[in-house]
């Protein structure tokens, strides 16, 4: 049982890290285009959106 719990927690952490990097890349692309990023996300960044205001 502990093995499955560890796998589940590790997967959640990995997905959260990947999502945070994706948000960072979206913000970076917006700023390169001379825009202002508007970010909405939850704590673990599973639900997020970035809009770019120019």
Protein backbone atom coordinates (compact mmCIF):
# COMPACT_ATOMS: atom_id res chain seq x y z
CA UNK A 1 0.00 0.00 0.00
CA UNK A 2 2.84 2.42 0.82
CA UNK A 3 4.37 1.69 -2.58
CA UNK A 4 1.23 2.92 -4.36
CA UNK A 5 0.97 5.98 -2.14
CA UNK A 6 4.58 6.88 -2.90
CA UNK A 7 3.98 6.44 -6.64
CA UNK A 8 0.86 8.61 -6.48
CA UNK A 9 2.61 11.39 -4.54
CA UNK A 10 5.64 11.26 -6.85
CA UNK A 11 3.40 11.51 -9.91
CA UNK A 12 1.56 14.51 -8.46
CA UNK A 13 4.83 16.27 -7.67
CA UNK A 14 6.23 15.60 -11.15
CA UNK A 15 3.05 16.83 -12.83
CA UNK A 16 3.06 19.96 -10.69
CA UNK A 17 6.67 20.72 -11.63
CA UNK A 18 5.93 20.21 -15.33
CA UNK A 19 2.90 22.51 -15.12
CA UNK A 20 4.87 25.24 -13.33
CA UNK A 21 7.52 25.10 -16.06
CA UNK A 22 4.81 25.34 -18.72
CA UNK A 23 3.37 28.41 -17.01
CA UNK A 24 6.85 29.95 -16.89
CA UNK A 25 7.35 29.34 -20.60
CA UNK A 26 3.96 30.88 -21.44
CA UNK A 27 4.81 33.96 -19.36
CA UNK A 28 8.22 34.21 -21.01
CA UNK A 29 6.70 34.07 -24.50
CA UNK A 30 4.17 36.74 -23.58
CA UNK A 31 6.87 39.05 -22.25
CA UNK A 32 8.99 38.51 -25.38
CA UNK A 33 6.01 39.70 -27.41
CA UNK A 34 5.89 42.90 -25.30
CA UNK A 35 2.76 41.79 -23.47
CA UNK A 36 1.69 41.65 -19.85
CA UNK A 37 0.83 38.13 -18.69
CA UNK A 38 -2.28 37.54 -16.58
CA UNK A 39 -1.95 34.23 -14.72
CA UNK A 40 -4.65 32.19 -13.02
CA UNK A 41 -3.74 28.91 -11.33
CA UNK A 42 -4.53 26.70 -8.38
CA UNK A 43 -2.03 25.65 -5.70
CA UNK A 44 -0.53 22.70 -7.57
CA UNK A 45 -0.98 24.35 -10.99
CA UNK A 46 -3.21 21.57 -12.33
CA UNK A 47 -5.76 24.13 -13.53
CA UNK A 48 -4.16 27.20 -15.01
CA UNK A 49 -4.45 29.78 -17.73
CA UNK A 50 -2.26 32.56 -19.01
CA UNK A 51 -3.62 35.42 -21.07
CA UNK A 52 -1.37 38.00 -22.71
CA UNK A 53 -2.53 41.62 -22.66
CA UNK A 54 -0.83 43.90 -25.20
